[in-house]
Amino acid sequence: MALVSDPVNLLLVGLLIAVLVAFAMDEFGPTLGPMLKRYQTRYVPSGVTWRTFIALILAVALASLMRAPLISAYLVAAGALITFYQLRRLKREQRRLKPGQILQFLVSFRGEYFLQPSVFSTLDKVKDKCEEPLKSMIRVTVETYFLTSSPERSFAELRSRTDNVYINQFAYILEMSESATPDAVVKALDSLVDRLRIHEELRMETQANLASITTQTLIMQVVAVAILAVVAVVPMLRSAYTSLGGQLFYVGVMTAMLLSSYYIDHEISRLAERIS
């Protein structure tokens, strides 16, 4: 009878929670919606999918299977830290200007400027062809000029929002356009585009070389998670980690694995940022 009553009670509790959540969303949804969206925009990067939280999901699943207080708490904390790290990295990547994005913008600007040699009118035309975050940078630059009529303040605003060397060179070329001929500006832009194309080719070649290292690291991580899952599922293996000493040993091995993965991932990201 207990075997029947436990699932029934669990189902009833689940239904009660679902009803309460539905009631709360219906009652407070219109008020909480804008606030939640504002916090999501501030703290959660766009493009987040369920794969971003797969480490936390696996950690919670392993913690529930291990049934050891210290190990379970450690796994949940590790999963939360990994998820937080991935969200921070995704947000940082979205804020970073990509060479391909800058190259596309420079080519578009060069084509429009060649037809109509007006710096800020051209910027205003091509800004909508950009992707974020470059689009916002150019928009602020144009708006600053329209408000102040000062090219110096406009380009200073652009430089304050990024330390990208190609954007700084681009701003310098546009600053010199007031004392140079349109043909000279076009030639300077062509030279900048050529340098950026060489940089983009080098970046793609380096990323192709790093791909093999990333794949090997991913395989190692999958194997490690598979081993942890086997330990959690098989009672004979799991029983070896029920004692305090076994739990401490488990935590030590897990810590070494996580630190190794973090070091490899950090070095790969650092190399990728150096060529971006």
C-alpha atoms as a PDB file:
ATOM      1  CA  MET A   1       0.000   0.000   0.000  1.00  0.00           C
ATOM      2  CA  ALA A   2       2.878   2.329   0.773  1.00  0.00           C
ATOM      3  CA  LEU A   3       4.331   1.671  -2.663  1.00  0.00           C
ATOM      4  CA  VAL A   4       1.070   2.919  -4.161  1.00  0.00           C
ATOM      5  CA  SER A   5       0.466   5.818  -1.797  1.00  0.00           C
ATOM      6  CA  ASP A   6       3.930   7.365  -2.186  1.00  0.00           C
ATOM      7  CA  PRO A   7       3.663   7.910  -5.967  1.00  0.00           C
ATOM      8  CA  VAL A   8       0.070   9.128  -5.548  1.00  0.00           C
ATOM      9  CA  ASN A   9       1.087  11.620  -2.868  1.00  0.00           C
ATOM     10  CA  LEU A  10       4.032  12.745  -4.997  1.00  0.00           C
ATOM     11  CA  LEU A  11       1.715  13.254  -7.952  1.00  0.00           C
ATOM     12  CA  LEU A  12      -0.737  15.238  -5.844  1.00  0.00           C
ATOM     13  CA  VAL A  13       2.041  17.451  -4.492  1.00  0.00           C
ATOM     14  CA  GLY A  14       3.323  18.018  -8.028  1.00  0.00           C
ATOM     15  CA  LEU A  15      -0.154  18.962  -9.247  1.00  0.00           C
ATOM     16  CA  LEU A  16      -0.598  21.347  -6.306  1.00  0.00           C
ATOM     17  CA  ILE A  17       2.721  23.056  -7.056  1.00  0.00           C
ATOM     18  CA  ALA A  18       1.799  23.341 -10.761  1.00  0.00           C
ATOM     19  CA  VAL A  19      -1.560  24.946  -9.856  1.00  0.00           C
ATOM     20  CA  LEU A  20       0.118  27.419  -7.483  1.00  0.00           C
ATOM     21  CA  VAL A  21       2.731  28.358 -10.086  1.00  0.00           C
ATOM     22  CA  ALA A  22       0.040  28.832 -12.756  1.00  0.00           C
ATOM     23  CA  PHE A  23      -1.999  30.997 -10.363  1.00  0.00           C
ATOM     24  CA  ALA A  24       1.040  33.107  -9.467  1.00  0.00           C
ATOM     25  CA  MET A  25       1.967  33.632 -13.126  1.00  0.00           C
ATOM     26  CA  ASP A  26      -1.601  34.613 -13.977  1.00  0.00           C
ATOM     27  CA  GLU A  27      -1.816  37.015 -11.049  1.00  0.00           C
ATOM     28  CA  PHE A  28       1.658  38.573 -11.058  1.00  0.00           C
ATOM     29  CA  GLY A  29       2.878  37.817 -14.602  1.00  0.00           C
ATOM     30  CA  PRO A  30       2.019  41.245 -16.126  1.00  0.00           C
ATOM     31  CA  THR A  31       3.851  42.998 -13.283  1.00  0.00           C
ATOM     32  CA  LEU A  32       6.858  40.704 -13.022  1.00  0.00           C
ATOM     33  CA  GLY A  33       7.342  40.260 -16.774  1.00  0.00           C
ATOM     34  CA  PRO A  34       8.984  43.652 -17.548  1.00  0.00           C
ATOM     35  CA  MET A  35      11.108  43.469 -14.376  1.00  0.00           C
ATOM     36  CA  LEU A  36      12.337  39.948 -15.156  1.00  0.00           C
ATOM     37  CA  LYS A  37      13.083  40.954 -18.742  1.00  0.00           C
ATOM     38  CA  ARG A  38      15.118  43.930 -17.522  1.00  0.00           C
ATOM     39  CA  TYR A  39      17.197  41.754 -15.197  1.00  0.00           C
ATOM     40  CA  GLN A  40      17.577  39.122 -17.901  1.00  0.00           C
ATOM     41  CA  THR A  41      18.975  41.720 -20.309  1.00  0.00           C
ATOM     42  CA  ARG A  42      21.390  42.982 -17.643  1.00  0.00           C
ATOM     43  CA  TYR A  43      22.674  39.700 -16.213  1.00  0.00           C
ATOM     44  CA  VAL A  44      21.881  36.950 -18.732  1.00  0.00           C
ATOM     45  CA  PRO A  45      23.475  37.180 -22.200  1.00  0.00           C
ATOM     46  CA  SER A  46      21.354  36.627 -25.265  1.00  0.00           C
ATOM     47  CA  GLY A  47      21.635  33.339 -27.085  1.00  0.00           C
ATOM     48  CA  VAL A  48      21.500  31.255 -23.892  1.00  0.00           C
ATOM     49  CA  THR A  49      20.105  27.764 -24.557  1.00  0.00           C
ATOM     50  CA  TRP A  50      19.521  24.671 -22.439  1.00  0.00           C
ATOM     51  CA  ARG A  51      23.022  23.487 -23.361  1.00  0.00           C
ATOM     52  CA  THR A  52      24.434  26.313 -21.267  1.00  0.00           C
ATOM     53  CA  PHE A  53      22.902  24.664 -18.184  1.00  0.00           C
ATOM     54  CA  ILE A  54      23.786  21.062 -19.057  1.00  0.00           C
ATOM     55  CA  ALA A  55      26.622  21.026 -16.503  1.00  0.00           C
ATOM     56  CA  LEU A  56      24.213  22.054 -13.737  1.00  0.00           C
ATOM     57  CA  ILE A  57      21.626  19.489 -14.864  1.00  0.00           C
ATOM     58  CA  LEU A  58      24.210  16.690 -14.868  1.00  0.00           C
ATOM     59  CA  ALA A  59      25.577  17.803 -11.510  1.00  0.00           C
ATOM     60  CA  VAL A  60      22.131  17.731  -9.889  1.00  0.00           C
ATOM     61  CA  ALA A  61      21.422  14.303 -11.421  1.00  0.00           C
ATOM     62  CA  LEU A  62      24.730  12.876 -10.155  1.00  0.00           C
ATOM     63  CA  ALA A  63      24.206  14.447  -6.734  1.00  0.00           C
ATOM     64  CA  SER A  64      20.803  12.798  -6.392  1.00  0.00           C
ATOM     65  CA  LEU A  65      22.260   9.416  -7.382  1.00  0.00           C
ATOM     66  CA  MET A  66      25.322   9.547  -5.124  1.00  0.00           C
ATOM     67  CA  ARG A  67      23.279  10.164  -1.934  1.00  0.00           C
ATOM     68  CA  ALA A  68      26.374  11.291  -0.036  1.00  0.00           C
ATOM     69  CA  PRO A  69      25.973  14.692   1.691  1.00  0.00           C
ATOM     70  CA  LEU A  70      29.453  16.051   1.034  1.00  0.00           C
ATOM     71  CA  ILE A  71      29.656  14.760  -2.547  1.00  0.00           C
ATOM     72  CA  SER A  72      26.120  15.862  -3.406  1.00  0.00           C
ATOM     73  CA  ALA A  73      26.690  19.380  -2.094  1.00  0.00           C
ATOM     74  CA  TYR A  74      30.029  19.564  -3.899  1.00  0.00           C
ATOM     75  CA  LEU A  75      28.530  18.417  -7.218  1.00  0.00           C
ATOM     76  CA  VAL A  76      25.701  20.958  -7.097  1.00  0.00           C
ATOM     77  CA  ALA A  77      28.127  23.761  -6.191  1.00  0.00           C
ATOM     78  CA  ALA A  78      30.510  22.709  -8.992  1.00  0.00           C
ATOM     79  CA  GLY A  79      27.658  22.600 -11.514  1.00  0.00           C
ATOM     80  CA  ALA A  80      26.519  26.078 -10.475  1.00  0.00           C
ATOM     81  CA  LEU A  81      30.064  27.476 -10.759  1.00  0.00           C
ATOM     82  CA  ILE A  82      30.570  25.920 -14.202  1.00  0.00           C
ATOM     83  CA  THR A  83      27.259  27.392 -15.399  1.00  0.00           C
ATOM     84  CA  PHE A  84      28.170  30.807 -14.000  1.00  0.00           C
ATOM     85  CA  TYR A  85      31.557  30.632 -15.735  1.00  0.00           C
ATOM     86  CA  GLN A  86      29.930  29.733 -19.054  1.00  0.00           C
ATOM     87  CA  LEU A  87      27.433  32.592 -18.759  1.00  0.00           C
ATOM     88  CA  ARG A  88      30.254  35.049 -18.003  1.00  0.00           C
ATOM     89  CA  ARG A  89      32.275  33.788 -20.965  1.00  0.00           C
ATOM     90  CA  LEU A  90      29.283  34.012 -23.308  1.00  0.00           C
ATOM     91  CA  LYS A  91      28.599  37.578 -22.189  1.00  0.00           C
ATOM     92  CA  ARG A  92      32.279  38.477 -22.644  1.00  0.00           C
ATOM     93  CA  GLU A  93      32.338  36.962 -26.134  1.00  0.00           C
ATOM     94  CA  GLN A  94      29.254  38.901 -27.152  1.00  0.00           C
ATOM     95  CA  ARG A  95      30.868  42.152 -26.030  1.00  0.00           C
ATOM     96  CA  ARG A  96      34.082  41.455 -27.942  1.00  0.00           C
ATOM     97  CA  LEU A  97      34.391  42.835 -31.463  1.00  0.00           C
ATOM     98  CA  LYS A  98      35.083  40.112 -34.013  1.00  0.00           C
ATOM     99  CA  PRO A  99      37.502  40.770 -36.903  1.00  0.00           C
ATOM    100  CA  GLY A 100      34.980  39.497 -39.458  1.00  0.00           C
ATOM    101  CA  GLN A 101      32.368  41.876 -38.109  1.00  0.00           C
ATOM    102  CA  ILE A 102      34.746  44.843 -38.322  1.00  0.00           C
ATOM    103  CA  LEU A 103      35.847  43.816 -41.829  1.00  0.00           C
ATOM    104  CA  GLN A 104      32.268  43.743 -43.083  1.00  0.00           C
ATOM    105  CA  PHE A 105      31.636  47.163 -41.555  1.00  0.00           C
ATOM    106  CA  LEU A 106      34.775  48.695 -43.092  1.00  0.00           C
ATOM    107  CA  VAL A 107      33.947  47.347 -46.539  1.00  0.00           C
ATOM    108  CA  SER A 108      30.412  48.758 -46.307  1.00  0.00           C
ATOM    109  CA  PHE A 109      31.686  52.127 -45.077  1.00  0.00           C
ATOM    110  CA  ARG A 110      34.345  52.309 -47.776  1.00  0.00           C
ATOM    111  CA  GLY A 111      31.777  51.642 -50.529  1.00  0.00           C
ATOM    112  CA  GLU A 112      29.332  54.266 -49.255  1.00  0.00           C
ATOM    113  CA  TYR A 113      32.051  56.845 -48.570  1.00  0.00           C
ATOM    114  CA  PHE A 114      33.446  56.419 -52.088  1.00  0.00           C
ATOM    115  CA  LEU A 115      30.048  57.426 -53.503  1.00  0.00           C
ATOM    116  CA  GLN A 116      29.393  60.222 -50.983  1.00  0.00           C
ATOM    117  CA  PRO A 117      32.473  61.403 -49.055  1.00  0.00           C
ATOM    118  CA  SER A 118      30.704  62.497 -45.867  1.00  0.00           C
ATOM    119  CA  VAL A 119      31.927  60.779 -42.725  1.00  0.00           C
ATOM    120  CA  PHE A 120      28.959  60.949 -40.382  1.00  0.00           C
ATOM    121  CA  SER A 121      26.307  60.642 -43.083  1.00  0.00           C
ATOM    122  CA  THR A 122      28.050  57.461 -44.214  1.00  0.00           C
ATOM    123  CA  LEU A 123      28.289  56.179 -40.640  1.00  0.00           C
ATOM    124  CA  ASP A 124      24.587  56.834 -40.199  1.00  0.00           C
ATOM    125  CA  LYS A 125      23.822  54.810 -43.337  1.00  0.00           C
ATOM    126  CA  VAL A 126      25.947  51.763 -42.595  1.00  0.00           C
ATOM    127  CA  LYS A 127      25.338  51.475 -38.833  1.00  0.00           C
ATOM    128  CA  ASP A 128      22.200  49.378 -39.346  1.00  0.00           C
ATOM    129  CA  LYS A 129      24.225  46.837 -41.332  1.00  0.00           C
ATOM    130  CA  CYS A 130      26.404  46.139 -38.278  1.00  0.00           C
ATOM    131  CA  GLU A 131      25.908  43.549 -35.577  1.00  0.00           C
ATOM    132  CA  GLU A 132      26.125  44.178 -31.864  1.00  0.00           C
ATOM    133  CA  PRO A 133      28.141  45.465 -30.108  1.00  0.00           C
ATOM    134  CA  LEU A 134      29.606  47.446 -33.029  1.00  0.00           C
ATOM    135  CA  LYS A 135      26.163  48.702 -34.031  1.00  0.00           C
ATOM    136  CA  SER A 136      25.645  50.425 -30.670  1.00  0.00           C
ATOM    137  CA  MET A 137      29.139  51.947 -30.780  1.00  0.00           C
ATOM    138  CA  ILE A 138      28.583  53.496 -34.184  1.00  0.00           C
ATOM    139  CA  ARG A 139      25.102  54.678 -33.239  1.00  0.00           C
ATOM    140  CA  VAL A 140      26.437  56.480 -30.160  1.00  0.00           C
ATOM    141  CA  THR A 141      29.230  58.012 -32.263  1.00  0.00           C
ATOM    142  CA  VAL A 142      26.747  59.398 -34.791  1.00  0.00           C
ATOM    143  CA  GLU A 143      24.345  60.633 -32.101  1.00  0.00           C
ATOM    144  CA  THR A 144      27.199  62.387 -30.273  1.00  0.00           C
ATOM    145  CA  TYR A 145      28.137  64.232 -33.446  1.00  0.00           C
ATOM    146  CA  PHE A 146      24.557  65.283 -34.167  1.00  0.00           C
ATOM    147  CA  LEU A 147      24.230  66.592 -30.596  1.00  0.00           C
ATOM    148  CA  THR A 148      27.613  68.319 -30.261  1.00  0.00           C
ATOM    149  CA  SER A 149      28.746  68.933 -33.876  1.00  0.00           C
ATOM    150  CA  SER A 150      32.195  67.909 -32.642  1.00  0.00           C
ATOM    151  CA  PRO A 151      34.030  65.127 -34.503  1.00  0.00           C
ATOM    152  CA  GLU A 152      36.657  65.016 -31.739  1.00  0.00           C
ATOM    153  CA  ARG A 153      34.093  64.279 -29.036  1.00  0.00           C
ATOM    154  CA  SER A 154      32.357  61.727 -31.268  1.00  0.00           C
ATOM    155  CA  PHE A 155      35.512  59.723 -31.936  1.00  0.00           C
ATOM    156  CA  ALA A 156      36.572  60.065 -28.297  1.00  0.00           C
ATOM    157  CA  GLU A 157      33.234  58.471 -27.390  1.00  0.00           C
ATOM    158  CA  LEU A 158      33.954  55.649 -29.831  1.00  0.00           C
ATOM    159  CA  ARG A 159      37.434  55.029 -28.422  1.00  0.00           C
ATOM    160  CA  SER A 160      36.100  55.022 -24.861  1.00  0.00           C
ATOM    161  CA  ARG A 161      33.878  52.045 -25.687  1.00  0.00           C
ATOM    162  CA  THR A 162      36.527  49.760 -27.168  1.00  0.00           C
ATOM    163  CA  ASP A 163      40.277  49.230 -27.239  1.00  0.00           C
ATOM    164  CA  ASN A 164      40.195  47.406 -30.575  1.00  0.00           C
ATOM    165  CA  VAL A 165      43.232  48.472 -32.593  1.00  0.00           C
ATOM    166  CA  TYR A 166      41.400  48.418 -35.943  1.00  0.00           C
ATOM    167  CA  ILE A 167      38.532  50.570 -34.685  1.00  0.00           C
ATOM    168  CA  ASN A 168      41.083  53.021 -33.275  1.00  0.00           C
ATOM    169  CA  GLN A 169      42.879  53.142 -36.641  1.00  0.00           C
ATOM    170  CA  PHE A 170      39.530  53.626 -38.362  1.00  0.00           C
ATOM    171  CA  ALA A 171      38.709  56.535 -36.039  1.00  0.00           C
ATOM    172  CA  TYR A 172      42.123  58.087 -36.738  1.00  0.00           C
ATOM    173  CA  ILE A 173      41.535  57.876 -40.508  1.00  0.00           C
ATOM    174  CA  LEU A 174      38.159  59.570 -40.144  1.00  0.00           C
ATOM    175  CA  GLU A 175      39.661  62.307 -37.964  1.00  0.00           C
ATOM    176  CA  MET A 176      42.262  62.994 -40.656  1.00  0.00           C
ATOM    177  CA  SER A 177      39.555  63.123 -43.339  1.00  0.00           C
ATOM    178  CA  GLU A 178      38.884  66.794 -42.575  1.00  0.00           C
ATOM    179  CA  SER A 179      42.385  67.731 -43.728  1.00  0.00           C
ATOM    180  CA  ALA A 180      42.811  65.036 -46.411  1.00  0.00           C
ATOM    181  CA  THR A 181      41.252  64.457 -49.804  1.00  0.00           C
ATOM    182  CA  PRO A 182      38.540  61.798 -50.233  1.00  0.00           C
ATOM    183  CA  ASP A 183      40.922  59.761 -52.414  1.00  0.00           C
ATOM    184  CA  ALA A 184      43.503  59.693 -49.630  1.00  0.00           C
ATOM    185  CA  VAL A 185      40.859  58.575 -47.141  1.00  0.00           C
ATOM    186  CA  VAL A 186      39.729  55.786 -49.494  1.00  0.00           C
ATOM    187  CA  LYS A 187      43.330  54.603 -49.932  1.00  0.00           C
ATOM    188  CA  ALA A 188      43.848  54.591 -46.146  1.00  0.00           C
ATOM    189  CA  LEU A 189      40.637  52.585 -45.733  1.00  0.00           C
ATOM    190  CA  ASP A 190      41.771  50.128 -48.427  1.00  0.00           C
ATOM    191  CA  SER A 191      45.056  49.629 -46.592  1.00  0.00           C
ATOM    192  CA  LEU A 192      43.211  49.051 -43.308  1.00  0.00           C
ATOM    193  CA  VAL A 193      40.872  46.538 -44.966  1.00  0.00           C
ATOM    194  CA  ASP A 194      43.842  44.644 -46.428  1.00  0.00           C
ATOM    195  CA  ARG A 195      45.529  44.399 -43.019  1.00  0.00           C
ATOM    196  CA  LEU A 196      42.314  43.233 -41.423  1.00  0.00           C
ATOM    197  CA  ARG A 197      41.818  40.561 -44.100  1.00  0.00           C
ATOM    198  CA  ILE A 198      45.293  39.185 -43.383  1.00  0.00           C
ATOM    199  CA  HIS A 199      44.470  39.189 -39.679  1.00  0.00           C
ATOM    200  CA  GLU A 200      41.185  37.351 -40.323  1.00  0.00           C
ATOM    201  CA  GLU A 201      42.940  34.671 -42.379  1.00  0.00           C
ATOM    202  CA  LEU A 202      45.477  34.164 -39.591  1.00  0.00           C
ATOM    203  CA  ARG A 203      42.688  33.971 -37.011  1.00  0.00           C
ATOM    204  CA  MET A 204      40.773  31.335 -38.968  1.00  0.00           C
ATOM    205  CA  GLU A 205      43.937  29.267 -39.440  1.00  0.00           C
ATOM    206  CA  THR A 206      44.740  29.439 -35.736  1.00  0.00           C
ATOM    207  CA  GLN A 207      41.174  28.525 -34.774  1.00  0.00           C
ATOM    208  CA  ALA A 208      41.376  25.485 -37.047  1.00  0.00           C
ATOM    209  CA  ASN A 209      44.521  24.390 -35.183  1.00  0.00           C
ATOM    210  CA  LEU A 210      42.860  24.967 -31.812  1.00  0.00           C
ATOM    211  CA  ALA A 211      39.799  22.962 -32.853  1.00  0.00           C
ATOM    212  CA  SER A 212      41.649  19.664 -32.473  1.00  0.00           C
ATOM    213  CA  ILE A 213      42.726  20.577 -28.923  1.00  0.00           C
ATOM    214  CA  THR A 214      39.169  21.629 -28.065  1.00  0.00           C
ATOM    215  CA  THR A 215      37.797  18.336 -29.412  1.00  0.00           C
ATOM    216  CA  GLN A 216      40.293  16.270 -27.411  1.00  0.00           C
ATOM    217  CA  THR A 217      39.427  18.218 -24.256  1.00  0.00           C
ATOM    218  CA  LEU A 218      35.718  17.663 -24.858  1.00  0.00           C
ATOM    219  CA  ILE A 219      36.261  13.915 -25.292  1.00  0.00           C
ATOM    220  CA  MET A 220      38.195  13.789 -22.019  1.00  0.00           C
ATOM    221  CA  GLN A 221      35.378  15.621 -20.239  1.00  0.00           C
ATOM    222  CA  VAL A 222      32.721  13.287 -21.672  1.00  0.00           C
ATOM    223  CA  VAL A 223      34.723  10.246 -20.557  1.00  0.00           C
ATOM    224  CA  ALA A 224      35.129  11.727 -17.072  1.00  0.00           C
ATOM    225  CA  VAL A 225      31.387  12.417 -16.774  1.00  0.00           C
ATOM    226  CA  ALA A 226      30.631   8.871 -18.006  1.00  0.00           C
ATOM    227  CA  ILE A 227      32.902   7.418 -15.302  1.00  0.00           C
ATOM    228  CA  LEU A 228      31.190   9.534 -12.643  1.00  0.00           C
ATOM    229  CA  ALA A 229      27.791   8.391 -13.916  1.00  0.00           C
ATOM    230  CA  VAL A 230      28.843   4.723 -13.715  1.00  0.00           C
ATOM    231  CA  VAL A 231      30.080   5.229 -10.159  1.00  0.00           C
ATOM    232  CA  ALA A 232      26.791   6.900  -9.223  1.00  0.00           C
ATOM    233  CA  VAL A 233      24.592   4.221 -10.821  1.00  0.00           C
ATOM    234  CA  VAL A 234      26.404   1.037  -9.723  1.00  0.00           C
ATOM    235  CA  PRO A 235      25.714   0.425  -5.989  1.00  0.00           C
ATOM    236  CA  MET A 236      28.949  -1.520  -5.466  1.00  0.00           C
ATOM    237  CA  LEU A 237      31.063   1.364  -6.767  1.00  0.00           C
ATOM    238  CA  ARG A 238      28.967   4.012  -5.043  1.00  0.00           C
ATOM    239  CA  SER A 239      29.324   2.338  -1.664  1.00  0.00           C
ATOM    240  CA  ALA A 240      33.073   2.973  -1.731  1.00  0.00           C
ATOM    241  CA  TYR A 241      32.373   6.698  -1.334  1.00  0.00           C
ATOM    242  CA  THR A 242      29.864   6.606   1.517  1.00  0.00           C
ATOM    243  CA  SER A 243      32.456   7.090   4.249  1.00  0.00           C
ATOM    244  CA  LEU A 244      33.957  10.484   5.037  1.00  0.00           C
ATOM    245  CA  GLY A 245      37.335   9.400   3.680  1.00  0.00           C
ATOM    246  CA  GLY A 246      35.768   8.155   0.464  1.00  0.00           C
ATOM    247  CA  GLN A 247      33.828  11.385   0.029  1.00  0.00           C
ATOM    248  CA  LEU A 248      36.968  13.473   0.581  1.00  0.00           C
ATOM    249  CA  PHE A 249      38.832  11.351  -1.957  1.00  0.00           C
ATOM    250  CA  TYR A 250      35.992  11.817  -4.466  1.00  0.00           C
ATOM    251  CA  VAL A 251      35.989  15.590  -3.913  1.00  0.00           C
ATOM    252  CA  GLY A 252      39.771  15.740  -4.334  1.00  0.00           C
ATOM    253  CA  VAL A 253      39.712  13.834  -7.624  1.00  0.00           C
ATOM    254  CA  MET A 254      36.817  15.961  -8.899  1.00  0.00           C
ATOM    255  CA  THR A 255      38.649  19.161  -7.939  1.00  0.00           C
ATOM    256  CA  ALA A 256      41.766  18.060  -9.831  1.00  0.00           C
ATOM    257  CA  MET A 257      39.676  17.234 -12.920  1.00  0.00           C
ATOM    258  CA  LEU A 258      37.803  20.542 -12.826  1.00  0.00           C
ATOM    259  CA  LEU A 259      40.980  22.582 -12.352  1.00  0.00           C
ATOM    260  CA  SER A 260      42.654  20.766 -15.259  1.00  0.00           C
ATOM    261  CA  SER A 261      39.650  21.415 -17.524  1.00  0.00           C
ATOM    262  CA  TYR A 262      39.528  25.053 -16.442  1.00  0.00           C
ATOM    263  CA  TYR A 263      43.245  25.549 -17.153  1.00  0.00           C
ATOM    264  CA  ILE A 264      42.987  24.052 -20.641  1.00  0.00           C
ATOM    265  CA  ASP A 265      39.834  26.041 -21.447  1.00  0.00           C
ATOM    266  CA  HIS A 266      41.365  29.256 -20.098  1.00  0.00           C
ATOM    267  CA  GLU A 267      44.516  28.850 -22.192  1.00  0.00           C
ATOM    268  CA  ILE A 268      42.502  28.132 -25.348  1.00  0.00           C
ATOM    269  CA  SER A 269      40.301  31.175 -24.711  1.00  0.00           C
ATOM    270  CA  ARG A 270      43.349  33.343 -24.054  1.00  0.00           C
ATOM    271  CA  LEU A 271      44.965  32.308 -27.330  1.00  0.00           C
ATOM    272  CA  ALA A 272      41.701  32.892 -29.194  1.00  0.00           C
ATOM    273  CA  GLU A 273      41.353  36.377 -27.693  1.00  0.00           C
ATOM    274  CA  ARG A 274      44.922  37.287 -28.637  1.00  0.00           C
ATOM    275  CA  ILE A 275      44.201  36.753 -32.332  1.00  0.00           C
ATOM    276  CA  SER A 276      40.683  38.211 -32.309  1.00  0.00           C
END
